[in-house]
PDB file of N, CA and C in Angstrom:
ATOM      1  N   MET A   1     106.161 112.869  82.671  1.00  0.00           N
ATOM      2  CA  MET A   1     106.464 113.677  83.839  1.00  0.00           C
ATOM      3  C   MET A   1     107.962 113.970  83.889  1.00  0.00           C
ATOM      4  N   LYS A   2     108.264 115.047  84.527  1.00  0.00           N
ATOM      5  CA  LYS A   2     109.650 115.451  84.725  1.00  0.00           C
ATOM      6  C   LYS A   2     110.382 114.373  85.538  1.00  0.00           C
ATOM      7  N   PRO A   3     111.633 114.060  85.171  1.00  0.00           N
ATOM      8  CA  PRO A   3     112.379 113.046  85.935  1.00  0.00           C
ATOM      9  C   PRO A   3     112.618 113.493  87.383  1.00  0.00           C
ATOM     10  N   MET A   4     112.831 112.514  88.230  1.00  0.00           N
ATOM     11  CA  MET A   4     113.081 112.793  89.642  1.00  0.00           C
ATOM     12  C   MET A   4     114.502 113.314  89.836  1.00  0.00           C
ATOM     13  N   PRO A   5     114.671 114.233  90.793  1.00  0.00           N
ATOM     14  CA  PRO A   5     116.022 114.688  91.115  1.00  0.00           C
ATOM     15  C   PRO A   5     116.765 113.587  91.875  1.00  0.00           C
ATOM     16  N   LYS A   6     118.062 113.720  91.982  1.00  0.00           N
ATOM     17  CA  LYS A   6     118.847 112.758  92.775  1.00  0.00           C
ATOM     18  C   LYS A   6     118.573 112.947  94.270  1.00  0.00           C
ATOM     19  N   SER A   7     118.227 114.155  94.661  1.00  0.00           N
ATOM     20  CA  SER A   7     117.962 114.450  96.070  1.00  0.00           C
ATOM     21  C   SER A   7     116.609 113.871  96.496  1.00  0.00           C
ATOM     22  N   PRO A   8     116.475 113.560  97.789  1.00  0.00           N
ATOM     23  CA  PRO A   8     115.236 112.953  98.304  1.00  0.00           C
ATOM     24  C   PRO A   8     114.168 113.983  98.680  1.00  0.00           C
ATOM     25  N   ASN A   9     113.902 114.939  97.785  1.00  0.00           N
ATOM     26  CA  ASN A   9     112.940 115.983  98.114  1.00  0.00           C
ATOM     27  C   ASN A   9     111.748 116.011  97.159  1.00  0.00           C
ATOM     28  N   ALA A  10     111.425 114.837  96.580  1.00  0.00           N
ATOM     29  CA  ALA A  10     110.316 114.771  95.634  1.00  0.00           C
ATOM     30  C   ALA A  10     109.745 113.364  95.591  1.00  0.00           C
ATOM     31  N   VAL A  11     108.460 113.271  95.188  1.00  0.00           N
ATOM     32  CA  VAL A  11     107.813 111.985  94.956  1.00  0.00           C
ATOM     33  C   VAL A  11     107.026 112.075  93.659  1.00  0.00           C
ATOM     34  N   SER A  12     106.862 110.915  93.008  1.00  0.00           N
ATOM     35  CA  SER A  12     106.124 110.866  91.755  1.00  0.00           C
ATOM     36  C   SER A  12     105.528 109.479  91.554  1.00  0.00           C
ATOM     37  N   SER A  13     104.302 109.457  91.033  1.00  0.00           N
ATOM     38  CA  SER A  13     103.686 108.171  90.729  1.00  0.00           C
ATOM     39  C   SER A  13     104.211 107.591  89.417  1.00  0.00           C
ATOM     40  N   ALA A  14     105.009 108.352  88.691  1.00  0.00           N
ATOM     41  CA  ALA A  14     105.637 107.838  87.471  1.00  0.00           C
ATOM     42  C   ALA A  14     106.818 106.935  87.802  1.00  0.00           C
ATOM     43  N   VAL A  15     107.202 106.919  89.071  1.00  0.00           N
ATOM     44  CA  VAL A  15     108.329 106.108  89.540  1.00  0.00           C
ATOM     45  C   VAL A  15     107.768 104.967  90.380  1.00  0.00           C
ATOM     46  N   SER A  16     108.168 103.759  90.088  1.00  0.00           N
ATOM     47  CA  SER A  16     107.708 102.593  90.831  1.00  0.00           C
ATOM     48  C   SER A  16     108.267 102.620  92.250  1.00  0.00           C
ATOM     49  N   GLU A  17     107.401 102.381  93.220  1.00  0.00           N
ATOM     50  CA  GLU A  17     107.836 102.333  94.617  1.00  0.00           C
ATOM     51  C   GLU A  17     108.813 101.186  94.853  1.00  0.00           C
ATOM     52  N   GLU A  18     108.642 100.099  94.104  1.00  0.00           N
ATOM     53  CA  GLU A  18     109.540  98.950  94.245  1.00  0.00           C
ATOM     54  C   GLU A  18     110.939  99.275  93.724  1.00  0.00           C
ATOM     55  N   GLU A  19     111.011 100.054  92.642  1.00  0.00           N
ATOM     56  CA  GLU A  19     112.304 100.414  92.051  1.00  0.00           C
ATOM     57  C   GLU A  19     112.986 101.566  92.774  1.00  0.00           C
ATOM     58  N   ASP A  20     112.182 102.464  93.350  1.00  0.00           N
ATOM     59  CA  ASP A  20     112.737 103.656  93.987  1.00  0.00           C
ATOM     60  C   ASP A  20     111.858 104.032  95.179  1.00  0.00           C
ATOM     61  N   SER A  21     112.190 103.500  96.337  1.00  0.00           N
ATOM     62  CA  SER A  21     111.368 103.735  97.530  1.00  0.00           C
ATOM     63  C   SER A  21     111.461 105.174  98.041  1.00  0.00           C
ATOM     64  N   VAL A  22     112.468 105.908  97.606  1.00  0.00           N
ATOM     65  CA  VAL A  22     112.611 107.307  98.030  1.00  0.00           C
ATOM     66  C   VAL A  22     111.654 108.206  97.247  1.00  0.00           C
ATOM     67  N   HIS A  23     111.590 108.027  95.935  1.00  0.00           N
ATOM     68  CA  HIS A  23     110.807 108.912  95.079  1.00  0.00           C
ATOM     69  C   HIS A  23     109.455 108.345  94.652  1.00  0.00           C
ATOM     70  N   GLY A  24     109.318 107.031  94.638  1.00  0.00           N
ATOM     71  CA  GLY A  24     108.091 106.419  94.147  1.00  0.00           C
ATOM     72  C   GLY A  24     106.933 106.551  95.117  1.00  0.00           C
ATOM     73  N   ILE A  25     105.760 106.792  94.562  1.00  0.00           N
ATOM     74  CA  ILE A  25     104.533 106.864  95.352  1.00  0.00           C
ATOM     75  C   ILE A  25     103.393 106.377  94.459  1.00  0.00           C
ATOM     76  N   ALA A  26     102.408 105.760  95.046  1.00  0.00           N
ATOM     77  CA  ALA A  26     101.271 105.256  94.271  1.00  0.00           C
ATOM     78  C   ALA A  26     100.425 106.422  93.762  1.00  0.00           C
ATOM     79  N   PRO A  27      99.833 106.265  92.582  1.00  0.00           N
ATOM     80  CA  PRO A  27      98.895 107.296  92.122  1.00  0.00           C
ATOM     81  C   PRO A  27      97.649 107.282  93.005  1.00  0.00           C
ATOM     82  N   ILE A  28      96.821 108.289  92.857  1.00  0.00           N
ATOM     83  CA  ILE A  28      95.569 108.365  93.606  1.00  0.00           C
ATOM     84  C   ILE A  28      94.503 107.611  92.812  1.00  0.00           C
ATOM     85  N   ASP A  29      93.817 106.683  93.465  1.00  0.00           N
ATOM     86  CA  ASP A  29      92.727 105.942  92.824  1.00  0.00           C
ATOM     87  C   ASP A  29      91.591 106.922  92.533  1.00  0.00           C
ATOM     88  N   ARG A  30      91.212 107.038  91.258  1.00  0.00           N
ATOM     89  CA  ARG A  30      90.207 108.017  90.847  1.00  0.00           C
ATOM     90  C   ARG A  30      88.810 107.663  91.328  1.00  0.00           C
ATOM     91  N   GLY A  31      88.556 106.398  91.582  1.00  0.00           N
ATOM     92  CA  GLY A  31      87.215 105.988  91.957  1.00  0.00           C
ATOM     93  C   GLY A  31      86.317 105.948  90.729  1.00  0.00           C
ATOM     94  N   PHE A  32      85.036 105.827  90.948  1.00  0.00           N
ATOM     95  CA  PHE A  32      84.091 105.711  89.834  1.00  0.00           C
ATOM     96  C   PHE A  32      83.487 107.062  89.480  1.00  0.00           C
ATOM     97  N   VAL A  33      84.356 108.031  89.247  1.00  0.00           N
ATOM     98  CA  VAL A  33      83.912 109.362  88.826  1.00  0.00           C
ATOM     99  C   VAL A  33      84.632 109.713  87.521  1.00  0.00           C
ATOM    100  N   SER A  34      84.075 110.653  86.788  1.00  0.00           N
ATOM    101  CA  SER A  34      84.693 111.093  85.536  1.00  0.00           C
ATOM    102  C   SER A  34      85.985 111.854  85.830  1.00  0.00           C
ATOM    103  N   ALA A  35      86.773 112.046  84.797  1.00  0.00           N
ATOM    104  CA  ALA A  35      88.004 112.823  84.946  1.00  0.00           C
ATOM    105  C   ALA A  35      87.680 114.249  85.385  1.00  0.00           C
ATOM    106  N   ASP A  36      86.609 114.828  84.851  1.00  0.00           N
ATOM    107  CA  ASP A  36      86.215 116.183  85.246  1.00  0.00           C
ATOM    108  C   ASP A  36      85.833 116.244  86.723  1.00  0.00           C
ATOM    109  N   GLN A  37      85.098 115.237  87.199  1.00  0.00           N
ATOM    110  CA  GLN A  37      84.719 115.198  88.617  1.00  0.00           C
ATOM    111  C   GLN A  37      85.953 115.013  89.493  1.00  0.00           C
ATOM    112  N   ALA A  38      86.876 114.153  89.058  1.00  0.00           N
ATOM    113  CA  ALA A  38      88.115 113.934  89.813  1.00  0.00           C
ATOM    114  C   ALA A  38      88.918 115.227  89.897  1.00  0.00           C
ATOM    115  N   GLN A  39      88.982 115.955  88.788  1.00  0.00           N
ATOM    116  CA  GLN A  39      89.721 117.216  88.787  1.00  0.00           C
ATOM    117  C   GLN A  39      89.055 118.224  89.728  1.00  0.00           C
ATOM    118  N   ALA A  40      87.743 118.240  89.769  1.00  0.00           N
ATOM    119  CA  ALA A  40      87.033 119.139  90.678  1.00  0.00           C
ATOM    120  C   ALA A  40      87.341 118.802  92.138  1.00  0.00           C
ATOM    121  N   ILE A  41      87.465 117.514  92.441  1.00  0.00           N
ATOM    122  CA  ILE A  41      87.804 117.099  93.811  1.00  0.00           C
ATOM    123  C   ILE A  41      89.221 117.541  94.166  1.00  0.00           C
ATOM    124  N   ILE A  42      90.170 117.321  93.252  1.00  0.00           N
ATOM    125  CA  ILE A  42      91.557 117.768  93.492  1.00  0.00           C
ATOM    126  C   ILE A  42      91.584 119.277  93.693  1.00  0.00           C
ATOM    127  N   ARG A  43      90.869 120.007  92.863  1.00  0.00           N
ATOM    128  CA  ARG A  43      90.807 121.465  92.977  1.00  0.00           C
ATOM    129  C   ARG A  43      90.255 121.868  94.355  1.00  0.00           C
ATOM    130  N   GLN A  44      89.207 121.199  94.815  1.00  0.00           N
ATOM    131  CA  GLN A  44      88.621 121.491  96.130  1.00  0.00           C
ATOM    132  C   GLN A  44      89.630 121.254  97.244  1.00  0.00           C
ATOM    133  N   ILE A  45      90.348 120.132  97.167  1.00  0.00           N
ATOM    134  CA  ILE A  45      91.367 119.815  98.180  1.00  0.00           C
ATOM    135  C   ILE A  45      92.424 120.910  98.225  1.00  0.00           C
ATOM    136  N   LEU A  46      92.896 121.324  97.063  1.00  0.00           N
ATOM    137  CA  LEU A  46      93.939 122.351  97.000  1.00  0.00           C
ATOM    138  C   LEU A  46      93.435 123.686  97.538  1.00  0.00           C
ATOM    139  N   MET A  47      92.187 124.016  97.257  1.00  0.00           N
ATOM    140  CA  MET A  47      91.633 125.289  97.730  1.00  0.00           C
ATOM    141  C   MET A  47      91.430 125.292  99.247  1.00  0.00           C
ATOM    142  N   GLU A  48      91.309 124.113  99.851  1.00  0.00           N
ATOM    143  CA  GLU A  48      91.161 124.000 101.305  1.00  0.00           C
ATOM    144  C   GLU A  48      92.504 124.075 102.028  1.00  0.00           C
ATOM    145  N   GLU A  49      93.588 123.855 101.298  1.00  0.00           N
ATOM    146  CA  GLU A  49      94.926 123.822 101.902  1.00  0.00           C
ATOM    147  C   GLU A  49      95.454 125.233 102.158  1.00  0.00           C
ATOM    148  N   PRO A  50      96.021 125.478 103.330  1.00  0.00           N
ATOM    149  CA  PRO A  50      96.607 126.804 103.601  1.00  0.00           C
ATOM    150  C   PRO A  50      97.847 127.041 102.746  1.00  0.00           C
ATOM    151  N   ARG A  51      98.090 128.298 102.435  1.00  0.00           N
ATOM    152  CA  ARG A  51      99.295 128.746 101.718  1.00  0.00           C
ATOM    153  C   ARG A  51      99.466 128.045 100.362  1.00  0.00           C
ATOM    154  N   THR A  52      98.359 127.687  99.722  1.00  0.00           N
ATOM    155  CA  THR A  52      98.394 126.970  98.458  1.00  0.00           C
ATOM    156  C   THR A  52      97.784 127.821  97.353  1.00  0.00           C
ATOM    157  N   THR A  53      98.471 127.877  96.232  1.00  0.00           N
ATOM    158  CA  THR A  53      98.016 128.622  95.067  1.00  0.00           C
ATOM    159  C   THR A  53      97.957 127.685  93.878  1.00  0.00           C
ATOM    160  N   ILE A  54      96.835 127.691  93.177  1.00  0.00           N
ATOM    161  CA  ILE A  54      96.734 126.923  91.935  1.00  0.00           C
ATOM    162  C   ILE A  54      97.324 127.789  90.830  1.00  0.00           C
ATOM    163  N   LEU A  55      98.389 127.291  90.204  1.00  0.00           N
ATOM    164  CA  LEU A  55      99.097 128.045  89.183  1.00  0.00           C
ATOM    165  C   LEU A  55      98.555 127.771  87.780  1.00  0.00           C
ATOM    166  N   LYS A  56      98.099 126.543  87.557  1.00  0.00           N
ATOM    167  CA  LYS A  56      97.557 126.181  86.247  1.00  0.00           C
ATOM    168  C   LYS A  56      96.471 125.139  86.454  1.00  0.00           C
ATOM    169  N   ASP A  57      95.339 125.340  85.802  1.00  0.00           N
ATOM    170  CA  ASP A  57      94.206 124.424  85.923  1.00  0.00           C
ATOM    171  C   ASP A  57      93.557 124.334  84.552  1.00  0.00           C
ATOM    172  N   ILE A  58      93.935 123.313  83.805  1.00  0.00           N
ATOM    173  CA  ILE A  58      93.379 123.076  82.476  1.00  0.00           C
ATOM    174  C   ILE A  58      92.819 121.657  82.469  1.00  0.00           C
ATOM    175  N   PRO A  59      91.942 121.327  81.546  1.00  0.00           N
ATOM    176  CA  PRO A  59      91.378 119.973  81.546  1.00  0.00           C
ATOM    177  C   PRO A  59      92.468 118.896  81.574  1.00  0.00           C
ATOM    178  N   GLY A  60      92.403 118.053  82.609  1.00  0.00           N
ATOM    179  CA  GLY A  60      93.333 116.947  82.750  1.00  0.00           C
ATOM    180  C   GLY A  60      94.622 117.253  83.498  1.00  0.00           C
ATOM    181  N   TYR A  61      94.804 118.500  83.944  1.00  0.00           N
ATOM    182  CA  TYR A  61      96.073 118.857  84.594  1.00  0.00           C
ATOM    183  C   TYR A  61      95.880 120.016  85.567  1.00  0.00           C
ATOM    184  N   ILE A  62      96.469 119.852  86.749  1.00  0.00           N
ATOM    185  CA  ILE A  62      96.536 120.942  87.729  1.00  0.00           C
ATOM    186  C   ILE A  62      97.968 121.049  88.240  1.00  0.00           C
ATOM    187  N   HIS A  63      98.478 122.278  88.292  1.00  0.00           N
ATOM    188  CA  HIS A  63      99.789 122.576  88.880  1.00  0.00           C
ATOM    189  C   HIS A  63      99.538 123.578  90.001  1.00  0.00           C
ATOM    190  N   ALA A  64      99.978 123.226  91.204  1.00  0.00           N
ATOM    191  CA  ALA A  64      99.790 124.101  92.360  1.00  0.00           C
ATOM    192  C   ALA A  64     101.108 124.257  93.107  1.00  0.00           C
ATOM    193  N   MET A  65     101.169 125.284  93.926  1.00  0.00           N
ATOM    194  CA  MET A  65     102.349 125.548  94.736  1.00  0.00           C
ATOM    195  C   MET A  65     101.887 125.771  96.169  1.00  0.00           C
ATOM    196  N   GLN A  66     102.615 125.171  97.119  1.00  0.00           N
ATOM    197  CA  GLN A  66     102.297 125.352  98.531  1.00  0.00           C
ATOM    198  C   GLN A  66     103.556 125.801  99.249  1.00  0.00           C
ATOM    199  N   LYS A  67     103.401 126.806 100.108  1.00  0.00           N
ATOM    200  CA  LYS A  67     104.532 127.311 100.883  1.00  0.00           C
ATOM    201  C   LYS A  67     104.464 126.783 102.307  1.00  0.00           C
ATOM    202  N   SER A  68     105.631 126.501 102.876  1.00  0.00           N
ATOM    203  CA  SER A  68     105.682 126.030 104.256  1.00  0.00           C
ATOM    204  C   SER A  68     105.327 127.177 105.198  1.00  0.00           C
ATOM    205  N   ALA A  69     104.805 126.831 106.364  1.00  0.00           N
ATOM    206  CA  ALA A  69     104.322 127.829 107.313  1.00  0.00           C
ATOM    207  C   ALA A  69     105.447 128.668 107.907  1.00  0.00           C
ATOM    208  N   PHE A  70     106.549 128.028 108.264  1.00  0.00           N
ATOM    209  CA  PHE A  70     107.575 128.748 109.010  1.00  0.00           C
ATOM    210  C   PHE A  70     108.538 129.520 108.114  1.00  0.00           C
ATOM    211  N   PHE A  71     109.189 128.843 107.181  1.00  0.00           N
ATOM    212  CA  PHE A  71     110.200 129.493 106.345  1.00  0.00           C
ATOM    213  C   PHE A  71     109.660 129.964 104.997  1.00  0.00           C
ATOM    214  N   GLY A  72     108.484 129.518 104.616  1.00  0.00           N
ATOM    215  CA  GLY A  72     107.917 129.920 103.336  1.00  0.00           C
ATOM    216  C   GLY A  72     108.522 129.210 102.139  1.00  0.00           C
ATOM    217  N   PHE A  73     109.139 128.022 102.354  1.00  0.00           N
ATOM    218  CA  PHE A  73     109.694 127.261 101.242  1.00  0.00           C
ATOM    219  C   PHE A  73     108.562 126.797 100.330  1.00  0.00           C
ATOM    220  N   ALA A  74     108.784 126.842  99.024  1.00  0.00           N
ATOM    221  CA  ALA A  74     107.748 126.476  98.057  1.00  0.00           C
ATOM    222  C   ALA A  74     107.947 125.061  97.533  1.00  0.00           C
ATOM    223  N   ASP A  75     106.845 124.333  97.435  1.00  0.00           N
ATOM    224  CA  ASP A  75     106.815 123.008  96.814  1.00  0.00           C
ATOM    225  C   ASP A  75     105.825 123.053  95.662  1.00  0.00           C
ATOM    226  N   ASP A  76     106.160 122.377  94.573  1.00  0.00           N
ATOM    227  CA  ASP A  76     105.270 122.272  93.419  1.00  0.00           C
ATOM    228  C   ASP A  76     104.569 120.934  93.438  1.00  0.00           C
ATOM    229  N   MET A  77     103.275 120.948  93.124  1.00  0.00           N
ATOM    230  CA  MET A  77     102.481 119.721  93.037  1.00  0.00           C
ATOM    231  C   MET A  77     101.813 119.694  91.676  1.00  0.00           C
ATOM    232  N   GLU A  78     101.819 118.518  91.049  1.00  0.00           N
ATOM    233  CA  GLU A  78     101.178 118.360  89.753  1.00  0.00           C
ATOM    234  C   GLU A  78     100.265 117.143  89.786  1.00  0.00           C
ATOM    235  N   PHE A  79      99.139 117.260  89.103  1.00  0.00           N
ATOM    236  CA  PHE A  79      98.147 116.194  89.034  1.00  0.00           C
ATOM    237  C   PHE A  79      97.713 116.033  87.587  1.00  0.00           C
ATOM    238  N   TRP A  80      97.803 114.803  87.071  1.00  0.00           N
ATOM    239  CA  TRP A  80      97.364 114.482  85.713  1.00  0.00           C
ATOM    240  C   TRP A  80      96.156 113.578  85.829  1.00  0.00           C
ATOM    241  N   ILE A  81      95.035 114.023  85.291  1.00  0.00           N
ATOM    242  CA  ILE A  81      93.781 113.274  85.380  1.00  0.00           C
ATOM    243  C   ILE A  81      93.340 112.942  83.955  1.00  0.00           C
ATOM    244  N   ARG A  82      93.431 111.666  83.588  1.00  0.00           N
ATOM    245  CA  ARG A  82      93.104 111.248  82.223  1.00  0.00           C
ATOM    246  C   ARG A  82      91.820 110.428  82.204  1.00  0.00           C
ATOM    247  N   ASP A  83      91.037 110.623  81.151  1.00  0.00           N
ATOM    248  CA  ASP A  83      89.789 109.868  80.985  1.00  0.00           C
ATOM    249  C   ASP A  83      90.027 108.372  80.886  1.00  0.00           C
ATOM    250  N   ASP A  84      91.146 107.985  80.282  1.00  0.00           N
ATOM    251  CA  ASP A  84      91.389 106.576  79.986  1.00  0.00           C
ATOM    252  C   ASP A  84      92.105 105.815  81.100  1.00  0.00           C
ATOM    253  N   LEU A  85      92.368 106.465  82.224  1.00  0.00           N
ATOM    254  CA  LEU A  85      93.054 105.804  83.334  1.00  0.00           C
ATOM    255  C   LEU A  85      92.217 105.897  84.612  1.00  0.00           C
ATOM    256  N   PRO A  86      92.192 104.844  85.419  1.00  0.00           N
ATOM    257  CA  PRO A  86      91.388 104.851  86.647  1.00  0.00           C
ATOM    258  C   PRO A  86      92.112 105.480  87.847  1.00  0.00           C
ATOM    259  N   TYR A  87      93.171 106.205  87.592  1.00  0.00           N
ATOM    260  CA  TYR A  87      93.936 106.806  88.671  1.00  0.00           C
ATOM    261  C   TYR A  87      94.400 108.200  88.263  1.00  0.00           C
ATOM    262  N   ILE A  88      94.904 108.942  89.247  1.00  0.00           N
ATOM    263  CA  ILE A  88      95.432 110.292  89.045  1.00  0.00           C
ATOM    264  C   ILE A  88      96.931 110.234  89.299  1.00  0.00           C
ATOM    265  N   ASP A  89      97.718 110.565  88.294  1.00  0.00           N
ATOM    266  CA  ASP A  89      99.162 110.625  88.481  1.00  0.00           C
ATOM    267  C   ASP A  89      99.511 111.878  89.260  1.00  0.00           C
ATOM    268  N   VAL A  90     100.492 111.768  90.148  1.00  0.00           N
ATOM    269  CA  VAL A  90     100.875 112.880  91.017  1.00  0.00           C
ATOM    270  C   VAL A  90     102.392 113.068  91.008  1.00  0.00           C
ATOM    271  N   ARG A  91     102.784 114.287  91.278  1.00  0.00           N
ATOM    272  CA  ARG A  91     104.201 114.621  91.453  1.00  0.00           C
ATOM    273  C   ARG A  91     104.242 115.782  92.432  1.00  0.00           C
ATOM    274  N   SER A  92     105.142 115.718  93.403  1.00  0.00           N
ATOM    275  CA  SER A  92     105.308 116.794  94.370  1.00  0.00           C
ATOM    276  C   SER A  92     106.793 116.945  94.661  1.00  0.00           C
ATOM    277  N   GLU A  93     107.301 118.169  94.546  1.00  0.00           N
ATOM    278  CA  GLU A  93     108.749 118.393  94.676  1.00  0.00           C
ATOM    279  C   GLU A  93     109.041 119.729  95.348  1.00  0.00           C
ATOM    280  N   ALA A  94     110.007 119.713  96.240  1.00  0.00           N
ATOM    281  CA  ALA A  94     110.490 120.943  96.862  1.00  0.00           C
ATOM    282  C   ALA A  94     111.290 121.726  95.834  1.00  0.00           C
ATOM    283  N   ARG A  95     111.118 123.018  95.799  1.00  0.00           N
ATOM    284  CA  ARG A  95     111.881 123.856  94.863  1.00  0.00           C
ATOM    285  C   ARG A  95     113.321 124.039  95.316  1.00  0.00           C
ATOM    286  N   LEU A  96     113.542 124.026  96.621  1.00  0.00           N
ATOM    287  CA  LEU A  96     114.879 124.254  97.167  1.00  0.00           C
ATOM    288  C   LEU A  96     115.251 123.160  98.152  1.00  0.00           C
ATOM    289  N   GLY A  97     116.529 123.037  98.412  1.00  0.00           N
ATOM    290  CA  GLY A  97     117.006 122.144  99.452  1.00  0.00           C
ATOM    291  C   GLY A  97     117.249 120.726  98.975  1.00  0.00           C
ATOM    292  N   TYR A  98     117.957 119.993  99.785  1.00  0.00           N
ATOM    293  CA  TYR A  98     118.298 118.605  99.468  1.00  0.00           C
ATOM    294  C   TYR A  98     117.225 117.644  99.960  1.00  0.00           C
ATOM    295  N   SER A  99     116.813 117.813 101.208  1.00  0.00           N
ATOM    296  CA  SER A  99     115.800 116.928 101.784  1.00  0.00           C
ATOM    297  C   SER A  99     114.559 117.741 102.137  1.00  0.00           C
ATOM    298  N   ASP A 100     113.402 117.104 102.023  1.00  0.00           N
ATOM    299  CA  ASP A 100     112.161 117.757 102.432  1.00  0.00           C
ATOM    300  C   ASP A 100     111.606 117.128 103.707  1.00  0.00           C
ATOM    301  N   PHE A 101     112.378 116.191 104.305  1.00  0.00           N
ATOM    302  CA  PHE A 101     111.995 115.514 105.545  1.00  0.00           C
ATOM    303  C   PHE A 101     110.648 114.801 105.411  1.00  0.00           C
ATOM    304  N   GLY A 102     110.349 114.324 104.197  1.00  0.00           N
ATOM    305  CA  GLY A 102     109.136 113.559 103.955  1.00  0.00           C
ATOM    306  C   GLY A 102     107.872 114.374 103.768  1.00  0.00           C
ATOM    307  N   VAL A 103     108.016 115.687 103.667  1.00  0.00           N
ATOM    308  CA  VAL A 103     106.853 116.569 103.552  1.00  0.00           C
ATOM    309  C   VAL A 103     106.040 116.279 102.287  1.00  0.00           C
ATOM    310  N   ASN A 104     106.696 116.109 101.146  1.00  0.00           N
ATOM    311  CA  ASN A 104     105.968 115.882  99.900  1.00  0.00           C
ATOM    312  C   ASN A 104     105.223 114.551  99.915  1.00  0.00           C
ATOM    313  N   ARG A 105     105.854 113.523 100.443  1.00  0.00           N
ATOM    314  CA  ARG A 105     105.184 112.219 100.539  1.00  0.00           C
ATOM    315  C   ARG A 105     103.969 112.304 101.465  1.00  0.00           C
ATOM    316  N   SER A 106     104.135 112.898 102.633  1.00  0.00           N
ATOM    317  CA  SER A 106     103.014 112.972 103.570  1.00  0.00           C
ATOM    318  C   SER A 106     101.894 113.855 103.020  1.00  0.00           C
ATOM    319  N   ARG A 107     102.232 114.893 102.264  1.00  0.00           N
ATOM    320  CA  ARG A 107     101.213 115.749 101.660  1.00  0.00           C
ATOM    321  C   ARG A 107     100.365 114.950 100.671  1.00  0.00           C
ATOM    322  N   ILE A 108     101.016 114.198  99.778  1.00  0.00           N
ATOM    323  CA  ILE A 108     100.273 113.413  98.797  1.00  0.00           C
ATOM    324  C   ILE A 108      99.419 112.355  99.496  1.00  0.00           C
ATOM    325  N   GLU A 109      99.946 111.734 100.537  1.00  0.00           N
ATOM    326  CA  GLU A 109      99.150 110.744 101.278  1.00  0.00           C
ATOM    327  C   GLU A 109      97.943 111.406 101.951  1.00  0.00           C
ATOM    328  N   ARG A 110      98.119 112.617 102.454  1.00  0.00           N
ATOM    329  CA  ARG A 110      97.001 113.361 103.051  1.00  0.00           C
ATOM    330  C   ARG A 110      95.956 113.688 101.983  1.00  0.00           C
ATOM    331  N   TYR A 111      96.409 114.090 100.786  1.00  0.00           N
ATOM    332  CA  TYR A 111      95.485 114.379  99.682  1.00  0.00           C
ATOM    333  C   TYR A 111      94.745 113.104  99.272  1.00  0.00           C
ATOM    334  N   ARG A 112      95.442 111.966  99.266  1.00  0.00           N
ATOM    335  CA  ARG A 112      94.818 110.691  98.907  1.00  0.00           C
ATOM    336  C   ARG A 112      93.665 110.378  99.877  1.00  0.00           C
ATOM    337  N   GLU A 113      93.910 110.551 101.171  1.00  0.00           N
ATOM    338  CA  GLU A 113      92.877 110.311 102.172  1.00  0.00           C
ATOM    339  C   GLU A 113      91.715 111.284 102.017  1.00  0.00           C
ATOM    340  N   ARG A 114      92.018 112.540 101.809  1.00  0.00           N
ATOM    341  CA  ARG A 114      90.972 113.560 101.646  1.00  0.00           C
ATOM    342  C   ARG A 114      90.153 113.279 100.387  1.00  0.00           C
ATOM    343  N   TYR A 115      90.806 112.889  99.310  1.00  0.00           N
ATOM    344  CA  TYR A 115      90.119 112.565  98.060  1.00  0.00           C
ATOM    345  C   TYR A 115      89.110 111.444  98.301  1.00  0.00           C
ATOM    346  N   ALA A 116      89.538 110.386  98.982  1.00  0.00           N
ATOM    347  CA  ALA A 116      88.646 109.253  99.274  1.00  0.00           C
ATOM    348  C   ALA A 116      87.457 109.690 100.124  1.00  0.00           C
ATOM    349  N   GLN A 117      87.649 110.642 101.011  1.00  0.00           N
ATOM    350  CA  GLN A 117      86.555 111.134 101.855  1.00  0.00           C
ATOM    351  C   GLN A 117      85.516 111.925 101.046  1.00  0.00           C
ATOM    352  N   ILE A 118      85.969 112.618 100.021  1.00  0.00           N
ATOM    353  CA  ILE A 118      85.077 113.469  99.230  1.00  0.00           C
ATOM    354  C   ILE A 118      84.326 112.682  98.158  1.00  0.00           C
ATOM    355  N   LEU A 119      84.907 111.571  97.701  1.00  0.00           N
ATOM    356  CA  LEU A 119      84.259 110.801  96.630  1.00  0.00           C
ATOM    357  C   LEU A 119      82.790 110.546  96.948  1.00  0.00           C
ATOM    358  N   PRO A 120      81.924 110.705  95.917  1.00  0.00           N
ATOM    359  CA  PRO A 120      80.489 110.440  96.157  1.00  0.00           C
ATOM    360  C   PRO A 120      80.219 108.964  96.390  1.00  0.00           C
TER     361      PRO A 120
END
């Protein structure tokens, strides 16, 4: 995954929360579904989100962009879904600005909750 910026406007599961509480976030637990099923769930969540566009959707990877309601600021979200791992790696980063006021972290946490609700 792309390294984290110095600014506090991004989160990634590639960064340990213990080592970096600003940027680190836990991956999403995939549950007992295949990587393809997990990717379908992530795709469904993204399609339900307002102002969200899926930019790339290939086996094992989704890249999406979401714009804020008021100013239209864009954030990039990436999801890596591997057959050999029981979790989904995530990364979410604001394209502009120094701080995102916790928007990327809260978005990923909201997706984590929604994912758990959809799991069969």
